[in-house]
mmCIF file of all heavy atoms, coordinates in Angstrom:
data_MODEL
# 
_entry.id   MODEL 
# 
loop_
_atom_site.group_PDB 
_atom_site.id 
_atom_site.type_symbol 
_atom_site.label_atom_id 
_atom_site.label_alt_id 
_atom_site.label_comp_id 
_atom_site.label_asym_id 
_atom_site.label_entity_id 
_atom_site.label_seq_id 
_atom_site.pdbx_PDB_ins_code 
_atom_site.Cartn_x 
_atom_site.Cartn_y 
_atom_site.Cartn_z 
_atom_site.occupancy 
_atom_site.B_iso_or_equiv 
_atom_site.pdbx_formal_charge 
_atom_site.auth_seq_id 
_atom_site.auth_comp_id 
_atom_site.auth_asym_id 
_atom_site.auth_atom_id 
_atom_site.pdbx_PDB_model_num 
ATOM 1   N N   . ALA A 1 1  ? 130.713 -113.679 90.893  1.00 0.00 ? 1  ALA A N   1 
ATOM 2   C CA  . ALA A 1 1  ? 131.332 -112.385 90.531  1.00 0.00 ? 1  ALA A CA  1 
ATOM 3   C C   . ALA A 1 1  ? 131.006 -111.316 91.569  1.00 0.00 ? 1  ALA A C   1 
ATOM 4   O O   . ALA A 1 1  ? 131.837 -110.482 91.878  1.00 0.00 ? 1  ALA A O   1 
ATOM 5   C CB  . ALA A 1 1  ? 130.836 -111.946 89.144  1.00 0.00 ? 1  ALA A CB  1 
ATOM 6   N N   . LEU A 1 2  ? 129.770 -111.355 92.098  1.00 0.00 ? 2  LEU A N   1 
ATOM 7   C CA  . LEU A 1 2  ? 129.402 -110.401 93.152  1.00 0.00 ? 2  LEU A CA  1 
ATOM 8   C C   . LEU A 1 2  ? 130.291 -110.587 94.387  1.00 0.00 ? 2  LEU A C   1 
ATOM 9   O O   . LEU A 1 2  ? 130.776 -109.613 94.995  1.00 0.00 ? 2  LEU A O   1 
ATOM 10  C CB  . LEU A 1 2  ? 127.954 -110.575 93.544  1.00 0.00 ? 2  LEU A CB  1 
ATOM 11  C CG  . LEU A 1 2  ? 126.895 -109.863 92.707  1.00 0.00 ? 2  LEU A CG  1 
ATOM 12  C CD1 . LEU A 1 2  ? 125.517 -110.119 93.273  1.00 0.00 ? 2  LEU A CD1 1 
ATOM 13  C CD2 . LEU A 1 2  ? 127.154 -108.354 92.620  1.00 0.00 ? 2  LEU A CD2 1 
ATOM 14  N N   . ARG A 1 3  ? 130.462 -111.854 94.789  1.00 0.00 ? 3  ARG A N   1 
ATOM 15  C CA  . ARG A 1 3  ? 131.306 -112.108 95.955  1.00 0.00 ? 3  ARG A CA  1 
ATOM 16  C C   . ARG A 1 3  ? 132.736 -111.619 95.741  1.00 0.00 ? 3  ARG A C   1 
ATOM 17  O O   . ARG A 1 3  ? 133.400 -111.191 96.682  1.00 0.00 ? 3  ARG A O   1 
ATOM 18  C CB  . ARG A 1 3  ? 131.283 -113.611 96.279  1.00 0.00 ? 3  ARG A CB  1 
ATOM 19  C CG  . ARG A 1 3  ? 129.962 -114.086 96.861  1.00 0.00 ? 3  ARG A CG  1 
ATOM 20  C CD  . ARG A 1 3  ? 130.096 -115.516 97.409  1.00 0.00 ? 3  ARG A CD  1 
ATOM 21  N NE  . ARG A 1 3  ? 130.292 -116.495 96.367  1.00 0.00 ? 3  ARG A NE  1 
ATOM 22  C CZ  . ARG A 1 3  ? 129.368 -117.115 95.667  1.00 0.00 ? 3  ARG A CZ  1 
ATOM 23  N NH1 . ARG A 1 3  ? 128.081 -116.837 95.944  1.00 0.00 ? 3  ARG A NH1 1 
ATOM 24  N NH2 . ARG A 1 3  ? 129.653 -118.011 94.741  1.00 0.00 ? 3  ARG A NH2 1 
ATOM 25  N N   . ALA A 1 4  ? 133.186 -111.683 94.488  1.00 0.00 ? 4  ALA A N   1 
ATOM 26  C CA  . ALA A 1 4  ? 134.539 -111.181 94.193  1.00 0.00 ? 4  ALA A CA  1 
ATOM 27  C C   . ALA A 1 4  ? 134.570 -109.708 93.915  1.00 0.00 ? 4  ALA A C   1 
ATOM 28  O O   . ALA A 1 4  ? 135.611 -109.154 93.586  1.00 0.00 ? 4  ALA A O   1 
ATOM 29  C CB  . ALA A 1 4  ? 135.077 -111.954 92.959  1.00 0.00 ? 4  ALA A CB  1 
ATOM 30  N N   . ARG A 1 5  ? 133.398 -109.071 94.038  1.00 0.00 ? 5  ARG A N   1 
ATOM 31  C CA  . ARG A 1 5  ? 133.252 -107.621 93.766  1.00 0.00 ? 5  ARG A CA  1 
ATOM 32  C C   . ARG A 1 5  ? 133.643 -107.251 92.318  1.00 0.00 ? 5  ARG A C   1 
ATOM 33  O O   . ARG A 1 5  ? 134.082 -106.126 92.057  1.00 0.00 ? 5  ARG A O   1 
ATOM 34  C CB  . ARG A 1 5  ? 134.081 -106.781 94.774  1.00 0.00 ? 5  ARG A CB  1 
ATOM 35  C CG  . ARG A 1 5  ? 133.607 -106.979 96.204  1.00 0.00 ? 5  ARG A CG  1 
ATOM 36  C CD  . ARG A 1 5  ? 134.312 -106.049 97.148  1.00 0.00 ? 5  ARG A CD  1 
ATOM 37  N NE  . ARG A 1 5  ? 133.838 -106.267 98.517  1.00 0.00 ? 5  ARG A NE  1 
ATOM 38  C CZ  . ARG A 1 5  ? 134.189 -105.548 99.559  1.00 0.00 ? 5  ARG A CZ  1 
ATOM 39  N NH1 . ARG A 1 5  ? 135.088 -104.559 99.397  1.00 0.00 ? 5  ARG A NH1 1 
ATOM 40  N NH2 . ARG A 1 5  ? 133.702 -105.780 100.754 1.00 0.00 ? 5  ARG A NH2 1 
ATOM 41  N N   . ASP A 1 6  ? 133.455 -108.195 91.433  1.00 0.00 ? 6  ASP A N   1 
ATOM 42  C CA  . ASP A 1 6  ? 133.626 -107.949 90.006  1.00 0.00 ? 6  ASP A CA  1 
ATOM 43  C C   . ASP A 1 6  ? 132.270 -107.588 89.434  1.00 0.00 ? 6  ASP A C   1 
ATOM 44  O O   . ASP A 1 6  ? 131.572 -108.405 88.842  1.00 0.00 ? 6  ASP A O   1 
ATOM 45  C CB  . ASP A 1 6  ? 134.209 -109.194 89.334  1.00 0.00 ? 6  ASP A CB  1 
ATOM 46  C CG  . ASP A 1 6  ? 134.485 -108.956 87.829  1.00 0.00 ? 6  ASP A CG  1 
ATOM 47  O OD1 . ASP A 1 6  ? 134.208 -107.846 87.313  1.00 0.00 ? 6  ASP A OD1 1 
ATOM 48  O OD2 . ASP A 1 6  ? 134.947 -109.915 87.177  1.00 0.00 ? 6  ASP A OD2 1 
ATOM 49  N N   . TYR A 1 7  ? 131.902 -106.310 89.627  1.00 0.00 ? 7  TYR A N   1 
ATOM 50  C CA  . TYR A 1 7  ? 130.510 -105.928 89.343  1.00 0.00 ? 7  TYR A CA  1 
ATOM 51  C C   . TYR A 1 7  ? 130.235 -105.884 87.852  1.00 0.00 ? 7  TYR A C   1 
ATOM 52  O O   . TYR A 1 7  ? 129.095 -106.163 87.415  1.00 0.00 ? 7  TYR A O   1 
ATOM 53  C CB  . TYR A 1 7  ? 130.222 -104.565 89.986  1.00 0.00 ? 7  TYR A CB  1 
ATOM 54  C CG  . TYR A 1 7  ? 130.370 -104.595 91.481  1.00 0.00 ? 7  TYR A CG  1 
ATOM 55  C CD1 . TYR A 1 7  ? 131.182 -103.652 92.140  1.00 0.00 ? 7  TYR A CD1 1 
ATOM 56  C CD2 . TYR A 1 7  ? 129.730 -105.557 92.246  1.00 0.00 ? 7  TYR A CD2 1 
ATOM 57  C CE1 . TYR A 1 7  ? 131.340 -103.689 93.517  1.00 0.00 ? 7  TYR A CE1 1 
ATOM 58  C CE2 . TYR A 1 7  ? 129.870 -105.622 93.608  1.00 0.00 ? 7  TYR A CE2 1 
ATOM 59  C CZ  . TYR A 1 7  ? 130.705 -104.682 94.252  1.00 0.00 ? 7  TYR A CZ  1 
ATOM 60  O OH  . TYR A 1 7  ? 130.849 -104.725 95.627  1.00 0.00 ? 7  TYR A OH  1 
ATOM 61  N N   . ASP A 1 8  ? 131.217 -105.519 87.038  1.00 0.00 ? 8  ASP A N   1 
ATOM 62  C CA  . ASP A 1 8  ? 131.009 -105.534 85.590  1.00 0.00 ? 8  ASP A CA  1 
ATOM 63  C C   . ASP A 1 8  ? 130.627 -106.939 85.106  1.00 0.00 ? 8  ASP A C   1 
ATOM 64  O O   . ASP A 1 8  ? 129.681 -107.122 84.324  1.00 0.00 ? 8  ASP A O   1 
ATOM 65  C CB  . ASP A 1 8  ? 132.237 -105.043 84.857  1.00 0.00 ? 8  ASP A CB  1 
ATOM 66  C CG  . ASP A 1 8  ? 132.452 -103.540 85.027  1.00 0.00 ? 8  ASP A CG  1 
ATOM 67  O OD1 . ASP A 1 8  ? 131.458 -102.848 85.263  1.00 0.00 ? 8  ASP A OD1 1 
ATOM 68  O OD2 . ASP A 1 8  ? 133.597 -103.085 84.900  1.00 0.00 ? 8  ASP A OD2 1 
ATOM 69  N N   . SER A 1 9  ? 131.384 -107.947 85.545  1.00 0.00 ? 9  SER A N   1 
ATOM 70  C CA  . SER A 1 9  ? 131.101 -109.307 85.156  1.00 0.00 ? 9  SER A CA  1 
ATOM 71  C C   . SER A 1 9  ? 129.744 -109.769 85.726  1.00 0.00 ? 9  SER A C   1 
ATOM 72  O O   . SER A 1 9  ? 128.947 -110.451 85.032  1.00 0.00 ? 9  SER A O   1 
ATOM 73  C CB  . SER A 1 9  ? 132.179 -110.265 85.609  1.00 0.00 ? 9  SER A CB  1 
ATOM 74  O OG  . SER A 1 9  ? 133.412 -109.938 84.976  1.00 0.00 ? 9  SER A OG  1 
ATOM 75  N N   . ALA A 1 10 ? 129.484 -109.400 86.987  1.00 0.00 ? 10 ALA A N   1 
ATOM 76  C CA  . ALA A 1 10 ? 128.206 -109.785 87.607  1.00 0.00 ? 10 ALA A CA  1 
ATOM 77  C C   . ALA A 1 10 ? 127.029 -109.253 86.812  1.00 0.00 ? 10 ALA A C   1 
ATOM 78  O O   . ALA A 1 10 ? 126.084 -109.938 86.538  1.00 0.00 ? 10 ALA A O   1 
ATOM 79  C CB  . ALA A 1 10 ? 128.140 -109.282 89.046  1.00 0.00 ? 10 ALA A CB  1 
ATOM 80  N N   . ALA A 1 11 ? 127.139 -107.969 86.424  1.00 0.00 ? 11 ALA A N   1 
ATOM 81  C CA  . ALA A 1 11 ? 126.047 -107.340 85.647  1.00 0.00 ? 11 ALA A CA  1 
ATOM 82  C C   . ALA A 1 11 ? 125.872 -108.050 84.309  1.00 0.00 ? 11 ALA A C   1 
ATOM 83  O O   . ALA A 1 11 ? 124.744 -108.324 83.860  1.00 0.00 ? 11 ALA A O   1 
ATOM 84  C CB  . ALA A 1 11 ? 126.334 -105.878 85.432  1.00 0.00 ? 11 ALA A CB  1 
ATOM 85  N N   . ALA A 1 12 ? 126.972 -108.416 83.664  1.00 0.00 ? 12 ALA A N   1 
ATOM 86  C CA  . ALA A 1 12 ? 126.893 -109.115 82.383  1.00 0.00 ? 12 ALA A CA  1 
ATOM 87  C C   . ALA A 1 12 ? 126.198 -110.477 82.551  1.00 0.00 ? 12 ALA A C   1 
ATOM 88  O O   . ALA A 1 12 ? 125.350 -110.882 81.749  1.00 0.00 ? 12 ALA A O   1 
ATOM 89  C CB  . ALA A 1 12 ? 128.293 -109.300 81.790  1.00 0.00 ? 12 ALA A CB  1 
ATOM 90  N N   . PHE A 1 13 ? 126.542 -111.187 83.630  1.00 0.00 ? 13 PHE A N   1 
ATOM 91  C CA  . PHE A 1 13 ? 125.894 -112.482 83.879  1.00 0.00 ? 13 PHE A CA  1 
ATOM 92  C C   . PHE A 1 13 ? 124.425 -112.320 84.199  1.00 0.00 ? 13 PHE A C   1 
ATOM 93  O O   . PHE A 1 13 ? 123.583 -113.080 83.737  1.00 0.00 ? 13 PHE A O   1 
ATOM 94  C CB  . PHE A 1 13 ? 126.622 -113.230 85.029  1.00 0.00 ? 13 PHE A CB  1 
ATOM 95  C CG  . PHE A 1 13 ? 127.946 -113.806 84.632  1.00 0.00 ? 13 PHE A CG  1 
ATOM 96  C CD1 . PHE A 1 13 ? 129.083 -113.522 85.357  1.00 0.00 ? 13 PHE A CD1 1 
ATOM 97  C CD2 . PHE A 1 13 ? 128.036 -114.676 83.538  1.00 0.00 ? 13 PHE A CD2 1 
ATOM 98  C CE1 . PHE A 1 13 ? 130.326 -114.050 85.006  1.00 0.00 ? 13 PHE A CE1 1 
ATOM 99  C CE2 . PHE A 1 13 ? 129.266 -115.223 83.184  1.00 0.00 ? 13 PHE A CE2 1 
ATOM 100 C CZ  . PHE A 1 13 ? 130.406 -114.927 83.916  1.00 0.00 ? 13 PHE A CZ  1 
ATOM 101 N N   . PHE A 1 14 ? 124.087 -111.306 84.982  1.00 0.00 ? 14 PHE A N   1 
ATOM 102 C CA  . PHE A 1 14 ? 122.677 -111.053 85.296  1.00 0.00 ? 14 PHE A CA  1 
ATOM 103 C C   . PHE A 1 14 ? 121.884 -110.708 84.035  1.00 0.00 ? 14 PHE A C   1 
ATOM 104 O O   . PHE A 1 14 ? 120.745 -111.132 83.891  1.00 0.00 ? 14 PHE A O   1 
ATOM 105 C CB  . PHE A 1 14 ? 122.546 -109.973 86.363  1.00 0.00 ? 14 PHE A CB  1 
ATOM 106 C CG  . PHE A 1 14 ? 122.766 -110.407 87.761  1.00 0.00 ? 14 PHE A CG  1 
ATOM 107 C CD1 . PHE A 1 14 ? 123.671 -109.746 88.596  1.00 0.00 ? 14 PHE A CD1 1 
ATOM 108 C CD2 . PHE A 1 14 ? 122.079 -111.521 88.305  1.00 0.00 ? 14 PHE A CD2 1 
ATOM 109 C CE1 . PHE A 1 14 ? 123.876 -110.161 89.894  1.00 0.00 ? 14 PHE A CE1 1 
ATOM 110 C CE2 . PHE A 1 14 ? 122.313 -111.949 89.582  1.00 0.00 ? 14 PHE A CE2 1 
ATOM 111 C CZ  . PHE A 1 14 ? 123.216 -111.255 90.406  1.00 0.00 ? 14 PHE A CZ  1 
ATOM 112 N N   . ARG A 1 15 ? 122.484 -109.921 83.156  1.00 0.00 ? 15 ARG A N   1 
ATOM 113 C CA  . ARG A 1 15 ? 121.803 -109.614 81.910  1.00 0.00 ? 15 ARG A CA  1 
ATOM 114 C C   . ARG A 1 15 ? 121.558 -110.871 81.086  1.00 0.00 ? 15 ARG A C   1 
ATOM 115 O O   . ARG A 1 15 ? 120.471 -111.028 80.465  1.00 0.00 ? 15 ARG A O   1 
ATOM 116 C CB  . ARG A 1 15 ? 122.598 -108.578 81.101  1.00 0.00 ? 15 ARG A CB  1 
ATOM 117 C CG  . ARG A 1 15 ? 122.566 -107.174 81.673  1.00 0.00 ? 15 ARG A CG  1 
ATOM 118 C CD  . ARG A 1 15 ? 123.093 -106.170 80.683  1.00 0.00 ? 15 ARG A CD  1 
ATOM 119 N NE  . ARG A 1 15 ? 124.497 -106.376 80.357  1.00 0.00 ? 15 ARG A NE  1 
ATOM 120 C CZ  . ARG A 1 15 ? 125.530 -105.790 81.016  1.00 0.00 ? 15 ARG A CZ  1 
ATOM 121 N NH1 . ARG A 1 15 ? 125.241 -104.969 82.035  1.00 0.00 ? 15 ARG A NH1 1 
ATOM 122 N NH2 . ARG A 1 15 ? 126.787 -106.016 80.656  1.00 0.00 ? 15 ARG A NH2 1 
ATOM 123 N N   . GLU A 1 16 ? 122.502 -111.768 81.082  1.00 0.00 ? 16 GLU A N   1 
ATOM 124 C CA  . GLU A 1 16 ? 122.314 -113.022 80.397  1.00 0.00 ? 16 GLU A CA  1 
ATOM 125 C C   . GLU A 1 16 ? 121.210 -113.853 81.073  1.00 0.00 ? 16 GLU A C   1 
ATOM 126 O O   . GLU A 1 16 ? 120.392 -114.482 80.371  1.00 0.00 ? 16 GLU A O   1 
ATOM 127 C CB  . GLU A 1 16 ? 123.648 -113.830 80.397  1.00 0.00 ? 16 GLU A CB  1 
ATOM 128 C CG  . GLU A 1 16 ? 123.597 -115.092 79.558  1.00 0.00 ? 16 GLU A CG  1 
ATOM 129 C CD  . GLU A 1 16 ? 124.957 -115.786 79.505  1.00 0.00 ? 16 GLU A CD  1 
ATOM 130 O OE1 . GLU A 1 16 ? 125.966 -115.161 79.874  1.00 0.00 ? 16 GLU A OE1 1 
ATOM 131 O OE2 . GLU A 1 16 ? 124.952 -116.967 79.118  1.00 0.00 ? 16 GLU A OE2 1 
ATOM 132 N N   . ALA A 1 17 ? 121.146 -113.817 82.398  1.00 0.00 ? 17 ALA A N   1 
ATOM 133 C CA  . ALA A 1 17 ? 120.091 -114.506 83.112  1.00 0.00 ? 17 ALA A CA  1 
ATOM 134 C C   . ALA A 1 17 ? 118.719 -113.924 82.800  1.00 0.00 ? 17 ALA A C   1 
ATOM 135 O O   . ALA A 1 17 ? 117.712 -114.647 82.697  1.00 0.00 ? 17 ALA A O   1 
ATOM 136 C CB  . ALA A 1 17 ? 120.360 -114.459 84.624  1.00 0.00 ? 17 ALA A CB  1 
ATOM 137 N N   . VAL A 1 18 ? 118.670 -112.604 82.640  1.00 0.00 ? 18 VAL A N   1 
ATOM 138 C CA  . VAL A 1 18 ? 117.391 -111.943 82.290  1.00 0.00 ? 18 VAL A CA  1 
ATOM 139 C C   . VAL A 1 18 ? 116.910 -112.442 80.907  1.00 0.00 ? 18 VAL A C   1 
ATOM 140 O O   . VAL A 1 18 ? 115.714 -112.717 80.701  1.00 0.00 ? 18 VAL A O   1 
ATOM 141 C CB  . VAL A 1 18 ? 117.550 -110.409 82.275  1.00 0.00 ? 18 VAL A CB  1 
ATOM 142 C CG1 . VAL A 1 18 ? 116.410 -109.741 81.541  1.00 0.00 ? 18 VAL A CG1 1 
ATOM 143 C CG2 . VAL A 1 18 ? 117.636 -109.900 83.700  1.00 0.00 ? 18 VAL A CG2 1 
ATOM 144 N N   . ARG A 1 19 ? 117.848 -112.593 79.978  1.00 0.00 ? 19 ARG A N   1 
ATOM 145 C CA  . ARG A 1 19 ? 117.471 -113.107 78.681  1.00 0.00 ? 19 ARG A CA  1 
ATOM 146 C C   . ARG A 1 19 ? 116.990 -114.538 78.737  1.00 0.00 ? 19 ARG A C   1 
ATOM 147 O O   . ARG A 1 19 ? 116.061 -114.935 78.014  1.00 0.00 ? 19 ARG A O   1 
ATOM 148 C CB  . ARG A 1 19 ? 118.656 -112.993 77.693  1.00 0.00 ? 19 ARG A CB  1 
ATOM 149 C CG  . ARG A 1 19 ? 118.998 -111.560 77.304  1.00 0.00 ? 19 ARG A CG  1 
ATOM 150 C CD  . ARG A 1 19 ? 119.976 -111.503 76.159  1.00 0.00 ? 19 ARG A CD  1 
ATOM 151 N NE  . ARG A 1 19 ? 121.304 -111.969 76.532  1.00 0.00 ? 19 ARG A NE  1 
ATOM 152 C CZ  . ARG A 1 19 ? 122.258 -111.192 77.072  1.00 0.00 ? 19 ARG A CZ  1 
ATOM 153 N NH1 . ARG A 1 19 ? 122.025 -109.909 77.249  1.00 0.00 ? 19 ARG A NH1 1 
ATOM 154 N NH2 . ARG A 1 19 ? 123.461 -111.709 77.380  1.00 0.00 ? 19 ARG A NH2 1 
ATOM 155 N N   . ALA A 1 20 ? 117.553 -115.321 79.672  1.00 0.00 ? 20 ALA A N   1 
ATOM 156 C CA  . ALA A 1 20 ? 117.131 -116.712 79.812  1.00 0.00 ? 20 ALA A CA  1 
ATOM 157 C C   . ALA A 1 20 ? 115.812 -116.818 80.527  1.00 0.00 ? 20 ALA A C   1 
ATOM 158 O O   . ALA A 1 20 ? 115.026 -117.758 80.251  1.00 0.00 ? 20 ALA A O   1 
ATOM 159 C CB  . ALA A 1 20 ? 118.222 -117.495 80.577  1.00 0.00 ? 20 ALA A CB  1 
ATOM 160 N N   . ALA A 1 21 ? 115.547 -115.939 81.495  1.00 0.00 ? 21 ALA A N   1 
ATOM 161 C CA  . ALA A 1 21 ? 114.320 -115.999 82.295  1.00 0.00 ? 21 ALA A CA  1 
ATOM 162 C C   . ALA A 1 21 ? 113.759 -114.592 82.464  1.00 0.00 ? 21 ALA A C   1 
ATOM 163 O O   . ALA A 1 21 ? 113.863 -113.966 83.505  1.00 0.00 ? 21 ALA A O   1 
ATOM 164 C CB  . ALA A 1 21 ? 114.602 -116.626 83.643  1.00 0.00 ? 21 ALA A CB  1 
ATOM 165 N N   . PRO A 1 22 ? 113.170 -114.030 81.393  1.00 0.00 ? 22 PRO A N   1 
ATOM 166 C CA  . PRO A 1 22 ? 112.753 -112.628 81.402  1.00 0.00 ? 22 PRO A CA  1 
ATOM 167 C C   . PRO A 1 22 ? 111.627 -112.291 82.384  1.00 0.00 ? 22 PRO A C   1 
ATOM 168 O O   . PRO A 1 22 ? 111.411 -111.113 82.673  1.00 0.00 ? 22 PRO A O   1 
ATOM 169 C CB  . PRO A 1 22 ? 112.300 -112.378 79.948  1.00 0.00 ? 22 PRO A CB  1 
ATOM 170 C CG  . PRO A 1 22 ? 112.001 -113.723 79.404  1.00 0.00 ? 22 PRO A CG  1 
ATOM 171 C CD  . PRO A 1 22 ? 112.911 -114.677 80.087  1.00 0.00 ? 22 PRO A CD  1 
ATOM 172 N N   . ASP A 1 23 ? 110.926 -113.326 82.895  1.00 0.00 ? 23 ASP A N   1 
ATOM 173 C CA  . ASP A 1 23 ? 109.772 -113.026 83.764  1.00 0.00 ? 23 ASP A CA  1 
ATOM 174 C C   . ASP A 1 23 ? 110.121 -113.203 85.250  1.00 0.00 ? 23 ASP A C   1 
ATOM 175 O O   . ASP A 1 23 ? 109.214 -113.283 86.085  1.00 0.00 ? 23 ASP A O   1 
ATOM 176 C CB  . ASP A 1 23 ? 108.592 -113.938 83.397  1.00 0.00 ? 23 ASP A CB  1 
ATOM 177 C CG  . ASP A 1 23 ? 108.084 -113.661 82.001  1.00 0.00 ? 23 ASP A CG  1 
ATOM 178 O OD1 . ASP A 1 23 ? 108.157 -112.478 81.574  1.00 0.00 ? 23 ASP A OD1 1 
ATOM 179 O OD2 . ASP A 1 23 ? 107.612 -114.605 81.311  1.00 0.00 ? 23 ASP A OD2 1 
ATOM 180 N N   . ARG A 1 24 ? 111.401 -113.232 85.583  1.00 0.00 ? 24 ARG A N   1 
ATOM 181 C CA  . ARG A 1 24 ? 111.800 -113.424 86.982  1.00 0.00 ? 24 ARG A CA  1 
ATOM 182 C C   . ARG A 1 24 ? 112.166 -112.071 87.600  1.00 0.00 ? 24 ARG A C   1 
ATOM 183 O O   . ARG A 1 24 ? 113.224 -111.519 87.299  1.00 0.00 ? 24 ARG A O   1 
ATOM 184 C CB  . ARG A 1 24 ? 112.978 -114.392 87.050  1.00 0.00 ? 24 ARG A CB  1 
ATOM 185 C CG  . ARG A 1 24 ? 112.692 -115.799 86.542  1.00 0.00 ? 24 ARG A CG  1 
ATOM 186 C CD  . ARG A 1 24 ? 112.587 -116.809 87.662  1.00 0.00 ? 24 ARG A CD  1 
ATOM 187 N NE  . ARG A 1 24 ? 113.842 -117.039 88.290  1.00 0.00 ? 24 ARG A NE  1 
ATOM 188 C CZ  . ARG A 1 24 ? 114.749 -117.919 87.870  1.00 0.00 ? 24 ARG A CZ  1 
ATOM 189 N NH1 . ARG A 1 24 ? 114.529 -118.616 86.769  1.00 0.00 ? 24 ARG A NH1 1 
ATOM 190 N NH2 . ARG A 1 24 ? 115.876 -118.095 88.534  1.00 0.00 ? 24 ARG A NH2 1 
ATOM 191 N N   . ALA A 1 25 ? 111.309 -111.561 88.444  1.00 0.00 ? 25 ALA A N   1 
ATOM 192 C CA  . ALA A 1 25 ? 111.530 -110.256 89.033  1.00 0.00 ? 25 ALA A CA  1 
ATOM 193 C C   . ALA A 1 25 ? 112.792 -110.271 89.902  1.00 0.00 ? 25 ALA A C   1 
ATOM 194 O O   . ALA A 1 25 ? 113.514 -109.258 89.984  1.00 0.00 ? 25 ALA A O   1 
ATOM 195 C CB  . ALA A 1 25 ? 110.324 -109.826 89.873  1.00 0.00 ? 25 ALA A CB  1 
ATOM 196 N N   . ALA A 1 26 ? 113.107 -111.368 90.554  1.00 0.00 ? 26 ALA A N   1 
ATOM 197 C CA  . ALA A 1 26 ? 114.250 -111.422 91.440  1.00 0.00 ? 26 ALA A CA  1 
ATOM 198 C C   . ALA A 1 26 ? 115.543 -111.175 90.705  1.00 0.00 ? 26 ALA A C   1 
ATOM 199 O O   . ALA A 1 26 ? 116.461 -110.518 91.228  1.00 0.00 ? 26 ALA A O   1 
ATOM 200 C CB  . ALA A 1 26 ? 114.289 -112.770 92.141  1.00 0.00 ? 26 ALA A CB  1 
ATOM 201 N N   . ILE A 1 27 ? 115.663 -111.666 89.486  1.00 0.00 ? 27 ILE A N   1 
ATOM 202 C CA  . ILE A 1 27 ? 116.865 -111.450 88.699  1.00 0.00 ? 27 ILE A CA  1 
ATOM 203 C C   . ILE A 1 27 ? 116.986 -109.968 88.358  1.00 0.00 ? 27 ILE A C   1 
ATOM 204 O O   . ILE A 1 27 ? 118.093 -109.389 88.427  1.00 0.00 ? 27 ILE A O   1 
ATOM 205 C CB  . ILE A 1 27 ? 116.870 -112.302 87.410  1.00 0.00 ? 27 ILE A CB  1 
ATOM 206 C CG1 . ILE A 1 27 ? 116.770 -113.760 87.783  1.00 0.00 ? 27 ILE A CG1 1 
ATOM 207 C CG2 . ILE A 1 27 ? 118.118 -112.041 86.585  1.00 0.00 ? 27 ILE A CG2 1 
ATOM 208 C CD1 . ILE A 1 27 ? 116.662 -114.694 86.566  1.00 0.00 ? 27 ILE A CD1 1 
# 
């Protein structure tokens, strides 16, 4: 989504990734 500049979708996916791995600073 980032490569496609679809930032709303990218942010939603990153939030989902945070929920899956809450201790990953890189995410």
